[in-house]
Structure formats: structure tokens, C-alpha cells
Amino acid sequence: MFVSLFCTLKRVSNDVKKWRPAGADRGFTFLHYNLTIAYHRTNLLARYGRWSANGNGGKLEALGYKEGYRVDVDVPESTWEKAPSFHDILIFNTGHWWWAPSKFDPVKSPLLFFEKGLPVIPPITPDLGLDKVLNHVIRFVEKTMRPDAIKLFRTQSPRHFEGGDWDQGGSCQRLQPLLPEQVENLFSLKNNGMNVETRLVNQHIYNALKGSNVHILDITRMSEFRADAHPSTAGGKKHDDCMHWCLPGVTDTWNDLFVTHLNSLKI
């Protein structure tokens, strides 16, 4: 989405220089318009890192935990913690890493959640940890951004693996968009399809945002149909890339929705 937005803006003005706000992975300033856009990479929104058992023992050690990933649910990741005080518009998203056993093995390297510097006991599952992180993120953003700033949360970008996950021989070889019944086979919660985490994450996002002043940018439903729009075997990976998107393509439409949403707001 960020690359698509940059390409679109560059068609209007070539007077641009690379410049990254604090914590940003990438950033550009369009000098003529005094407009800066930036991409702040964050996997879980909250600060996280490797955790190993302490030789002196502790509550997690007493439960048999030896290693994992510590997630401080109430501490924003440093890559974006200063973004609310700089940007006039923020678009958040998270999701894929929360349901990623290849990243966070629930047995060998589980996510271990901490709050106020202490482990959450009894330990909670990733879906409950996501709820805690989202609630803290919303409170942090509402506290640190100006009241007239625009805050959006982009819903989950769907993957389209069929026949297995990315590390299990899954592929996306379709040449046409999916039919409605095919979409349900892949994403339905009832069917527990291969890519079910898309709608699971969205449920948590919608519940967390209730009563907040964070707007939802819903790109999921329209994108679920586009199984034909991924790099697939042309993605330069050892496996089919059924998660990222080709450009030009679907993410251009996400930005069209973004602009339409901005125009609908009373600023």
C-alpha cells in the first residue's frame, strides 16, 4: 500500500527527496507540497524480543517455560512510538504474524505476554494477547495524537494459499478472480479454511475499535476475490508468494478507498 501510494504521488510531483521520520523504515518528502509519507514497520505493534528462562527462576520458569518471545502489550514498538506526534494521518495494520507458527512456535518459542513489566499469569493465547495490544495501542494513540488528527486501522490483507501453507507446498496459480463460493471455501470461519486468520484478525480489530475515534479502512472483502493478483512463482522466493501483491494491482484500489474515505471525513 505504501509503495502504491508513493508511485501515485510521484506522478503528480517529482520534487521529492528521501527522508525518514524517527523509527521509519522508509520515507519521502514531496517538497512542493510539504508532504511527508513514511512506512513504520512493525510486526506485532507492541515491543517484543527473545526471552530465555532466568537461572534464578520466576513465574514463567515455574510453569516450565524455557524460551520464547516476550511481548510487552502496553509498550509500543520503537519503530512507530513517535509517529503519532509527527504524522497528521496514521494507518495501522497488523495480523499475519499473530497466526504464524513458523515464526512463533506455540511449543518451542511461544509468545509470552507481559504487562507493566510483569508476565501475564496464567499465560494467555495469542488471540487474547492481540486484544490486549490493540486496546493499549488505541489508548496510546488517542493520548499522543492531536484531537484533529486522522487515525485509521486497515483490515487484514488476505493470503491465498491453496493446498498447504507457504512452507507446506501451498500455491496460488489462479488466473481469474474467485467466485463467491470459492472465497468462502478459503476464508470462512465455519469452514476453518487455509487462510481463516484473515477474518479472525478482523473480528479482533472491529471489537477493539468499538467506541474509539479510530476509523476502519476495510480492504479485506474486495481483496479476498483476487487470488489471481499475487506474484506467485514470480515472487523471487523458493515458494509461491501468495501474500504480497503485484503492482500495479489491488493495493492501488486500497489507496483509492483511502482517498475516498479521507474525502468523506469532515476535516
C-alpha atoms as a PDB file:
ATOM      1  CA  MET A   1       0.000   0.000   0.000  1.00  0.00           C
ATOM      2  CA  PHE A   2       2.840   2.368   0.844  1.00  0.00           C
ATOM      3  CA  VAL A   3       4.683   1.705  -2.426  1.00  0.00           C
ATOM      4  CA  SER A   4       1.470   2.193  -4.386  1.00  0.00           C
ATOM      5  CA  LEU A   5       0.811   5.495  -2.612  1.00  0.00           C
ATOM      6  CA  PHE A   6       4.341   6.718  -3.308  1.00  0.00           C
ATOM      7  CA  CYS A   7       4.089   5.840  -7.006  1.00  0.00           C
ATOM      8  CA  THR A   8       0.741   7.613  -7.276  1.00  0.00           C
ATOM      9  CA  LEU A   9       2.030  10.783  -5.615  1.00  0.00           C
ATOM     10  CA  LYS A  10       5.202  10.780  -7.709  1.00  0.00           C
ATOM     11  CA  ARG A  11       3.085  11.053 -10.836  1.00  0.00           C
ATOM     12  CA  VAL A  12       1.969  14.450  -9.519  1.00  0.00           C
ATOM     13  CA  SER A  13       5.361  15.748  -8.389  1.00  0.00           C
ATOM     14  CA  ASN A  14       8.954  14.645  -8.996  1.00  0.00           C
ATOM     15  CA  ASP A  15      10.246  17.172  -6.479  1.00  0.00           C
ATOM     16  CA  VAL A  16      10.827  14.522  -3.848  1.00  0.00           C
ATOM     17  CA  LYS A  17      13.646  13.538  -1.523  1.00  0.00           C
ATOM     18  CA  LYS A  18      14.246  10.561   0.730  1.00  0.00           C
ATOM     19  CA  TRP A  19      13.718  11.433   4.366  1.00  0.00           C
ATOM     20  CA  ARG A  20      12.672   9.193   7.233  1.00  0.00           C
ATOM     21  CA  PRO A  21      10.955  10.359  10.416  1.00  0.00           C
ATOM     22  CA  ALA A  22      12.155   8.756  13.655  1.00  0.00           C
ATOM     23  CA  GLY A  23      11.733   4.981  13.546  1.00  0.00           C
ATOM     24  CA  ALA A  24      10.532   4.792   9.959  1.00  0.00           C
ATOM     25  CA  ASP A  25      11.767   2.079   7.634  1.00  0.00           C
ATOM     26  CA  ARG A  26      11.177   4.237   4.554  1.00  0.00           C
ATOM     27  CA  GLY A  27      10.102   7.816   3.987  1.00  0.00           C
ATOM     28  CA  PHE A  28       9.804  10.503   1.342  1.00  0.00           C
ATOM     29  CA  THR A  29       9.057  14.231   1.365  1.00  0.00           C
ATOM     30  CA  PHE A  30       7.332  15.927  -1.567  1.00  0.00           C
ATOM     31  CA  LEU A  31       8.939  19.334  -1.251  1.00  0.00           C
ATOM     32  CA  HIS A  32       6.479  21.385  -3.289  1.00  0.00           C
ATOM     33  CA  TYR A  33       3.576  20.234  -1.112  1.00  0.00           C
ATOM     34  CA  ASN A  34       5.492  19.922   2.188  1.00  0.00           C
ATOM     35  CA  LEU A  35       4.111  16.385   2.400  1.00  0.00           C
ATOM     36  CA  THR A  36       5.952  13.533   4.085  1.00  0.00           C
ATOM     37  CA  ILE A  37       4.865   9.911   3.842  1.00  0.00           C
ATOM     38  CA  ALA A  38       6.572   7.150   5.804  1.00  0.00           C
ATOM     39  CA  TYR A  39       6.400   3.433   6.405  1.00  0.00           C
ATOM     40  CA  HIS A  40       6.957   2.361  10.008  1.00  0.00           C
ATOM     41  CA  ARG A  41       7.495  -1.403  10.001  1.00  0.00           C
ATOM     42  CA  THR A  42       6.071  -3.262  12.978  1.00  0.00           C
ATOM     43  CA  ASN A  43       5.102  -6.910  13.276  1.00  0.00           C
ATOM     44  CA  LEU A  44       3.035  -7.012  16.477  1.00  0.00           C
ATOM     45  CA  LEU A  45       2.588  -3.260  17.155  1.00  0.00           C
ATOM     46  CA  ALA A  46       3.931  -3.914  20.667  1.00  0.00           C
ATOM     47  CA  ARG A  47       7.573  -4.255  21.675  1.00  0.00           C
ATOM     48  CA  TYR A  48       8.799  -7.843  21.531  1.00  0.00           C
ATOM     49  CA  GLY A  49      12.033  -9.815  21.593  1.00  0.00           C
ATOM     50  CA  ARG A  50      13.578 -13.136  22.534  1.00  0.00           C
ATOM     51  CA  TRP A  51      13.014 -14.383  26.089  1.00  0.00           C
ATOM     52  CA  SER A  52      15.021 -17.042  27.935  1.00  0.00           C
ATOM     53  CA  ALA A  53      14.437 -18.541  31.342  1.00  0.00           C
ATOM     54  CA  ASN A  54      16.247 -16.907  34.244  1.00  0.00           C
ATOM     55  CA  GLY A  55      18.516 -19.173  36.226  1.00  0.00           C
ATOM     56  CA  ASN A  56      17.113 -17.692  39.429  1.00  0.00           C
ATOM     57  CA  GLY A  57      13.615 -18.768  38.490  1.00  0.00           C
ATOM     58  CA  GLY A  58      10.386 -16.833  38.068  1.00  0.00           C
ATOM     59  CA  LYS A  59       6.687 -17.292  37.448  1.00  0.00           C
ATOM     60  CA  LEU A  60       7.110 -18.407  33.847  1.00  0.00           C
ATOM     61  CA  GLU A  61      10.054 -20.623  34.763  1.00  0.00           C
ATOM     62  CA  ALA A  62       7.945 -22.254  37.462  1.00  0.00           C
ATOM     63  CA  LEU A  63       5.426 -23.194  34.775  1.00  0.00           C
ATOM     64  CA  GLY A  64       8.121 -24.884  32.725  1.00  0.00           C
ATOM     65  CA  TYR A  65       8.840 -22.202  30.137  1.00  0.00           C
ATOM     66  CA  LYS A  66      12.433 -22.186  28.915  1.00  0.00           C
ATOM     67  CA  GLU A  67      12.357 -19.790  25.969  1.00  0.00           C
ATOM     68  CA  GLY A  68      10.008 -17.835  23.757  1.00  0.00           C
ATOM     69  CA  TYR A  69       9.210 -14.274  22.693  1.00  0.00           C
ATOM     70  CA  ARG A  70       8.406 -11.615  25.255  1.00  0.00           C
ATOM     71  CA  VAL A  71       5.633  -9.246  24.142  1.00  0.00           C
ATOM     72  CA  ASP A  72       5.089  -6.111  26.260  1.00  0.00           C
ATOM     73  CA  VAL A  73       1.445  -5.456  25.446  1.00  0.00           C
ATOM     74  CA  ASP A  74       1.485  -1.927  26.881  1.00  0.00           C
ATOM     75  CA  VAL A  75       4.714  -0.735  25.212  1.00  0.00           C
ATOM     76  CA  PRO A  76       4.579   0.402  21.547  1.00  0.00           C
ATOM     77  CA  GLU A  77       7.324  -0.899  19.304  1.00  0.00           C
ATOM     78  CA  SER A  78      10.037   1.748  18.941  1.00  0.00           C
ATOM     79  CA  THR A  79       9.637   1.863  15.153  1.00  0.00           C
ATOM     80  CA  TRP A  80       6.343   3.728  15.450  1.00  0.00           C
ATOM     81  CA  GLU A  81       6.057   5.055  19.016  1.00  0.00           C
ATOM     82  CA  LYS A  82       6.961   8.613  17.919  1.00  0.00           C
ATOM     83  CA  ALA A  83       4.803   8.503  14.781  1.00  0.00           C
ATOM     84  CA  PRO A  84       1.603   9.780  16.465  1.00  0.00           C
ATOM     85  CA  SER A  85       3.340  13.015  17.493  1.00  0.00           C
ATOM     86  CA  PHE A  86       4.656  13.621  13.954  1.00  0.00           C
ATOM     87  CA  HIS A  87       2.070  12.499  11.417  1.00  0.00           C
ATOM     88  CA  ASP A  88      -1.308  14.077  10.714  1.00  0.00           C
ATOM     89  CA  ILE A  89      -2.674  10.782   9.388  1.00  0.00           C
ATOM     90  CA  LEU A  90      -1.850   7.288  10.610  1.00  0.00           C
ATOM     91  CA  ILE A  91      -2.871   3.973   9.039  1.00  0.00           C
ATOM     92  CA  PHE A  92      -2.304   0.940  11.250  1.00  0.00           C
ATOM     93  CA  ASN A  93      -2.427  -2.716  10.445  1.00  0.00           C
ATOM     94  CA  THR A  94      -1.303  -5.990  11.980  1.00  0.00           C
ATOM     95  CA  GLY A  95      -2.270  -9.616  11.702  1.00  0.00           C
ATOM     96  CA  HIS A  96      -0.138 -12.114   9.793  1.00  0.00           C
ATOM     97  CA  TRP A  97       2.482 -12.509  12.499  1.00  0.00           C
ATOM     98  CA  TRP A  98      -0.097 -13.251  15.185  1.00  0.00           C
ATOM     99  CA  TRP A  99      -1.066 -16.531  13.483  1.00  0.00           C
ATOM    100  CA  ALA A 100       2.398 -17.616  12.385  1.00  0.00           C
ATOM    101  CA  PRO A 101       3.525 -20.894  13.939  1.00  0.00           C
ATOM    102  CA  SER A 102       6.580 -20.827  11.675  1.00  0.00           C
ATOM    103  CA  LYS A 103       7.628 -17.599  13.430  1.00  0.00           C
ATOM    104  CA  PHE A 104       6.341 -18.267  16.924  1.00  0.00           C
ATOM    105  CA  ASP A 105       6.119 -21.993  17.576  1.00  0.00           C
ATOM    106  CA  PRO A 106       3.484 -22.447  20.315  1.00  0.00           C
ATOM    107  CA  VAL A 107       5.660 -25.110  21.998  1.00  0.00           C
ATOM    108  CA  LYS A 108       9.287 -24.278  21.215  1.00  0.00           C
ATOM    109  CA  SER A 109       9.106 -20.470  21.067  1.00  0.00           C
ATOM    110  CA  PRO A 110       5.677 -19.240  22.227  1.00  0.00           C
ATOM    111  CA  LEU A 111       4.545 -15.665  22.599  1.00  0.00           C
ATOM    112  CA  LEU A 112       4.781 -14.752  26.295  1.00  0.00           C
ATOM    113  CA  PHE A 113       2.853 -11.646  27.239  1.00  0.00           C
ATOM    114  CA  PHE A 114       3.958  -9.055  29.787  1.00  0.00           C
ATOM    115  CA  GLU A 115       2.039  -6.102  31.190  1.00  0.00           C
ATOM    116  CA  LYS A 116       3.530  -3.379  33.393  1.00  0.00           C
ATOM    117  CA  GLY A 117       6.798  -5.269  33.185  1.00  0.00           C
ATOM    118  CA  LEU A 118       5.410  -8.492  34.652  1.00  0.00           C
ATOM    119  CA  PRO A 119       4.365 -11.723  32.935  1.00  0.00           C
ATOM    120  CA  VAL A 120       0.638 -12.210  32.456  1.00  0.00           C
ATOM    121  CA  ILE A 121      -0.248 -15.184  34.661  1.00  0.00           C
ATOM    122  CA  PRO A 122      -1.757 -17.522  33.754  1.00  0.00           C
ATOM    123  CA  PRO A 123      -0.212 -17.182  30.289  1.00  0.00           C
ATOM    124  CA  ILE A 124      -2.685 -16.209  27.583  1.00  0.00           C
ATOM    125  CA  THR A 125      -3.107 -17.305  23.986  1.00  0.00           C
ATOM    126  CA  PRO A 126      -2.070 -15.089  21.035  1.00  0.00           C
ATOM    127  CA  ASP A 127      -5.658 -14.048  20.273  1.00  0.00           C
ATOM    128  CA  LEU A 128      -6.110 -12.691  23.809  1.00  0.00           C
ATOM    129  CA  GLY A 129      -2.671 -11.099  23.608  1.00  0.00           C
ATOM    130  CA  LEU A 130      -3.739  -9.362  20.392  1.00  0.00           C
ATOM    131  CA  ASP A 131      -6.782  -7.950  22.179  1.00  0.00           C
ATOM    132  CA  LYS A 132      -4.583  -6.501  24.914  1.00  0.00           C
ATOM    133  CA  VAL A 133      -2.147  -4.991  22.422  1.00  0.00           C
ATOM    134  CA  LEU A 134      -4.932  -3.410  20.357  1.00  0.00           C
ATOM    135  CA  ASN A 135      -6.546  -1.860  23.434  1.00  0.00           C
ATOM    136  CA  HIS A 136      -3.257  -0.378  24.602  1.00  0.00           C
ATOM    137  CA  VAL A 137      -2.395   0.875  21.097  1.00  0.00           C
ATOM    138  CA  ILE A 138      -5.715   2.683  20.792  1.00  0.00           C
ATOM    139  CA  ARG A 139      -5.298   4.350  24.188  1.00  0.00           C
ATOM    140  CA  PHE A 140      -1.719   5.344  23.369  1.00  0.00           C
ATOM    141  CA  VAL A 141      -2.646   6.845  20.003  1.00  0.00           C
ATOM    142  CA  GLU A 142      -5.655   8.730  21.333  1.00  0.00           C
ATOM    143  CA  LYS A 143      -3.459  10.147  24.094  1.00  0.00           C
ATOM    144  CA  THR A 144      -0.485  11.192  21.954  1.00  0.00           C
ATOM    145  CA  MET A 145      -2.078  12.389  18.688  1.00  0.00           C
ATOM    146  CA  ARG A 146      -3.769  15.734  18.239  1.00  0.00           C
ATOM    147  CA  PRO A 147      -7.576  15.600  18.506  1.00  0.00           C
ATOM    148  CA  ASP A 148      -7.978  16.613  14.848  1.00  0.00           C
ATOM    149  CA  ALA A 149      -5.523  14.008  13.540  1.00  0.00           C
ATOM    150  CA  ILE A 150      -6.920  11.197  11.395  1.00  0.00           C
ATOM    151  CA  LYS A 151      -6.455   7.657  12.635  1.00  0.00           C
ATOM    152  CA  LEU A 152      -7.319   4.627  10.537  1.00  0.00           C
ATOM    153  CA  PHE A 153      -6.921   0.902  11.007  1.00  0.00           C
ATOM    154  CA  ARG A 154      -6.636  -1.072   7.791  1.00  0.00           C
ATOM    155  CA  THR A 155      -8.253  -4.501   7.942  1.00  0.00           C
ATOM    156  CA  GLN A 156      -6.390  -7.684   7.148  1.00  0.00           C
ATOM    157  CA  SER A 157      -4.795  -8.276   3.768  1.00  0.00           C
ATOM    158  CA  PRO A 158      -5.882 -11.793   2.720  1.00  0.00           C
ATOM    159  CA  ARG A 159      -3.485 -14.511   1.673  1.00  0.00           C
ATOM    160  CA  HIS A 160      -4.493 -17.049  -0.987  1.00  0.00           C
ATOM    161  CA  PHE A 161      -2.547 -20.229  -0.300  1.00  0.00           C
ATOM    162  CA  GLU A 162      -4.204 -23.389  -1.569  1.00  0.00           C
ATOM    163  CA  GLY A 163      -3.085 -26.966  -0.938  1.00  0.00           C
ATOM    164  CA  GLY A 164      -0.993 -26.024   2.090  1.00  0.00           C
ATOM    165  CA  ASP A 165       0.598 -23.050   3.805  1.00  0.00           C
ATOM    166  CA  TRP A 166       3.619 -21.191   2.404  1.00  0.00           C
ATOM    167  CA  ASP A 167       6.065 -23.716   3.893  1.00  0.00           C
ATOM    168  CA  GLN A 168       3.904 -26.736   3.050  1.00  0.00           C
ATOM    169  CA  GLY A 169       3.805 -26.514  -0.731  1.00  0.00           C
ATOM    170  CA  GLY A 170       0.879 -24.092  -0.879  1.00  0.00           C
ATOM    171  CA  SER A 171       0.375 -22.240  -4.144  1.00  0.00           C
ATOM    172  CA  CYS A 172      -1.756 -19.596  -5.886  1.00  0.00           C
ATOM    173  CA  GLN A 173      -1.892 -20.398  -9.574  1.00  0.00           C
ATOM    174  CA  ARG A 174      -5.289 -18.930 -10.427  1.00  0.00           C
ATOM    175  CA  LEU A 175      -5.614 -16.647 -13.441  1.00  0.00           C
ATOM    176  CA  GLN A 176      -9.070 -15.263 -12.643  1.00  0.00           C
ATOM    177  CA  PRO A 177     -10.690 -13.759  -9.540  1.00  0.00           C
ATOM    178  CA  LEU A 178     -12.517 -16.181  -7.261  1.00  0.00           C
ATOM    179  CA  LEU A 179     -16.242 -16.781  -7.303  1.00  0.00           C
ATOM    180  CA  PRO A 180     -18.164 -16.031  -4.074  1.00  0.00           C
ATOM    181  CA  GLU A 181     -18.399 -19.718  -3.105  1.00  0.00           C
ATOM    182  CA  GLN A 182     -14.653 -20.133  -3.667  1.00  0.00           C
ATOM    183  CA  VAL A 183     -13.980 -17.169  -1.406  1.00  0.00           C
ATOM    184  CA  GLU A 184     -15.980 -18.815   1.368  1.00  0.00           C
ATOM    185  CA  ASN A 185     -14.047 -22.069   0.965  1.00  0.00           C
ATOM    186  CA  LEU A 186     -10.782 -20.233   1.559  1.00  0.00           C
ATOM    187  CA  PHE A 187     -11.782 -17.735   4.248  1.00  0.00           C
ATOM    188  CA  SER A 188     -14.922 -18.890   6.039  1.00  0.00           C
ATOM    189  CA  LEU A 189     -14.599 -19.238   9.808  1.00  0.00           C
ATOM    190  CA  LYS A 190     -17.133 -22.051   9.668  1.00  0.00           C
ATOM    191  CA  ASN A 191     -15.063 -23.993   7.143  1.00  0.00           C
ATOM    192  CA  ASN A 192     -11.811 -23.228   9.009  1.00  0.00           C
ATOM    193  CA  GLY A 193     -10.144 -22.662   5.646  1.00  0.00           C
ATOM    194  CA  MET A 194      -6.429 -22.369   4.928  1.00  0.00           C
ATOM    195  CA  ASN A 195      -6.486 -18.580   5.209  1.00  0.00           C
ATOM    196  CA  VAL A 196      -9.000 -18.266   8.051  1.00  0.00           C
ATOM    197  CA  GLU A 197      -6.760 -15.922  10.067  1.00  0.00           C
ATOM    198  CA  THR A 198      -7.848 -13.052   7.805  1.00  0.00           C
ATOM    199  CA  ARG A 199     -11.354 -12.904   9.217  1.00  0.00           C
ATOM    200  CA  LEU A 200     -10.245 -13.943  12.712  1.00  0.00           C
ATOM    201  CA  VAL A 201      -7.938 -10.946  12.967  1.00  0.00           C
ATOM    202  CA  ASN A 202     -10.628  -8.643  11.621  1.00  0.00           C
ATOM    203  CA  GLN A 203     -13.012  -9.740  14.368  1.00  0.00           C
ATOM    204  CA  HIS A 204     -10.474  -8.680  16.983  1.00  0.00           C
ATOM    205  CA  ILE A 205      -9.847  -5.360  15.217  1.00  0.00           C
ATOM    206  CA  TYR A 206     -13.534  -4.480  14.975  1.00  0.00           C
ATOM    207  CA  ASN A 207     -14.152  -5.367  18.628  1.00  0.00           C
ATOM    208  CA  ALA A 208     -11.155  -3.341  19.827  1.00  0.00           C
ATOM    209  CA  LEU A 209     -12.130  -0.235  17.849  1.00  0.00           C
ATOM    210  CA  LYS A 210     -15.683  -0.025  19.175  1.00  0.00           C
ATOM    211  CA  GLY A 211     -16.197   3.313  20.888  1.00  0.00           C
ATOM    212  CA  SER A 212     -12.849   4.728  19.731  1.00  0.00           C
ATOM    213  CA  ASN A 213     -12.220   7.547  17.260  1.00  0.00           C
ATOM    214  CA  VAL A 214     -10.156   5.279  15.006  1.00  0.00           C
ATOM    215  CA  HIS A 215     -11.758   4.750  11.599  1.00  0.00           C
ATOM    216  CA  ILE A 216     -11.722   1.393   9.823  1.00  0.00           C
ATOM    217  CA  LEU A 217     -10.383   1.113   6.283  1.00  0.00           C
ATOM    218  CA  ASP A 218     -11.909  -2.165   5.118  1.00  0.00           C
ATOM    219  CA  ILE A 219      -9.919  -3.652   2.245  1.00  0.00           C
ATOM    220  CA  THR A 220     -10.481  -7.312   3.086  1.00  0.00           C
ATOM    221  CA  ARG A 221     -13.691  -8.318   1.341  1.00  0.00           C
ATOM    222  CA  MET A 222     -12.790  -6.901  -2.065  1.00  0.00           C
ATOM    223  CA  SER A 223      -9.279  -8.401  -1.833  1.00  0.00           C
ATOM    224  CA  GLU A 224     -10.493 -11.882  -0.915  1.00  0.00           C
ATOM    225  CA  PHE A 225     -11.667 -12.363  -4.508  1.00  0.00           C
ATOM    226  CA  ARG A 226      -8.251 -11.576  -6.020  1.00  0.00           C
ATOM    227  CA  ALA A 227      -6.423 -14.893  -5.771  1.00  0.00           C
ATOM    228  CA  ASP A 228      -5.013 -14.056  -9.206  1.00  0.00           C
ATOM    229  CA  ALA A 229      -3.210 -10.899  -8.083  1.00  0.00           C
ATOM    230  CA  HIS A 230      -0.196 -12.280  -6.167  1.00  0.00           C
ATOM    231  CA  PRO A 231       3.357 -12.704  -7.516  1.00  0.00           C
ATOM    232  CA  SER A 232       3.055 -16.492  -7.073  1.00  0.00           C
ATOM    233  CA  THR A 233       6.074 -18.207  -8.680  1.00  0.00           C
ATOM    234  CA  ALA A 234       7.382 -14.846  -9.957  1.00  0.00           C
ATOM    235  CA  GLY A 235       7.895 -13.535  -6.427  1.00  0.00           C
ATOM    236  CA  GLY A 236      11.570 -14.410  -6.293  1.00  0.00           C
ATOM    237  CA  LYS A 237      11.134 -16.820  -3.390  1.00  0.00           C
ATOM    238  CA  LYS A 238      11.674 -20.552  -3.016  1.00  0.00           C
ATOM    239  CA  HIS A 239       7.931 -20.920  -2.521  1.00  0.00           C
ATOM    240  CA  ASP A 240       4.856 -19.360  -4.107  1.00  0.00           C
ATOM    241  CA  ASP A 241       4.284 -15.816  -2.835  1.00  0.00           C
ATOM    242  CA  CYS A 242       0.548 -15.761  -2.165  1.00  0.00           C
ATOM    243  CA  MET A 243       0.645 -12.984   0.427  1.00  0.00           C
ATOM    244  CA  HIS A 244       2.188  -9.941  -1.264  1.00  0.00           C
ATOM    245  CA  TRP A 245       0.551  -8.223  -4.219  1.00  0.00           C
ATOM    246  CA  CYS A 246       1.602  -7.313  -7.745  1.00  0.00           C
ATOM    247  CA  LEU A 247       1.913  -3.650  -8.700  1.00  0.00           C
ATOM    248  CA  PRO A 248       0.026  -2.108 -10.347  1.00  0.00           C
ATOM    249  CA  GLY A 249      -2.822  -4.010  -8.811  1.00  0.00           C
ATOM    250  CA  VAL A 250      -5.038  -4.488  -5.799  1.00  0.00           C
ATOM    251  CA  THR A 251      -3.185  -2.130  -3.461  1.00  0.00           C
ATOM    252  CA  ASP A 252      -3.828   0.750  -5.873  1.00  0.00           C
ATOM    253  CA  THR A 253      -7.520   0.223  -5.195  1.00  0.00           C
ATOM    254  CA  TRP A 254      -6.836   0.262  -1.447  1.00  0.00           C
ATOM    255  CA  ASN A 255      -5.437   3.755  -1.889  1.00  0.00           C
ATOM    256  CA  ASP A 256      -8.473   4.762  -3.920  1.00  0.00           C
ATOM    257  CA  LEU A 257     -10.588   3.672  -0.941  1.00  0.00           C
ATOM    258  CA  PHE A 258      -8.260   5.571   1.390  1.00  0.00           C
ATOM    259  CA  VAL A 259      -8.647   8.811  -0.556  1.00  0.00           C
ATOM    260  CA  THR A 260     -12.397   8.352  -0.797  1.00  0.00           C
ATOM    261  CA  HIS A 261     -12.513   7.818   2.973  1.00  0.00           C
ATOM    262  CA  LEU A 262     -10.480  10.987   3.565  1.00  0.00           C
ATOM    263  CA  ASN A 263     -12.832  12.973   1.354  1.00  0.00           C
ATOM    264  CA  SER A 264     -15.805  11.684   3.343  1.00  0.00           C
ATOM    265  CA  LEU A 265     -14.413  12.949   6.636  1.00  0.00           C
ATOM    266  CA  LYS A 266     -15.174  16.419   7.923  1.00  0.00           C
ATOM    267  CA  ILE A 267     -11.671  17.796   8.432  1.00  0.00           C
END
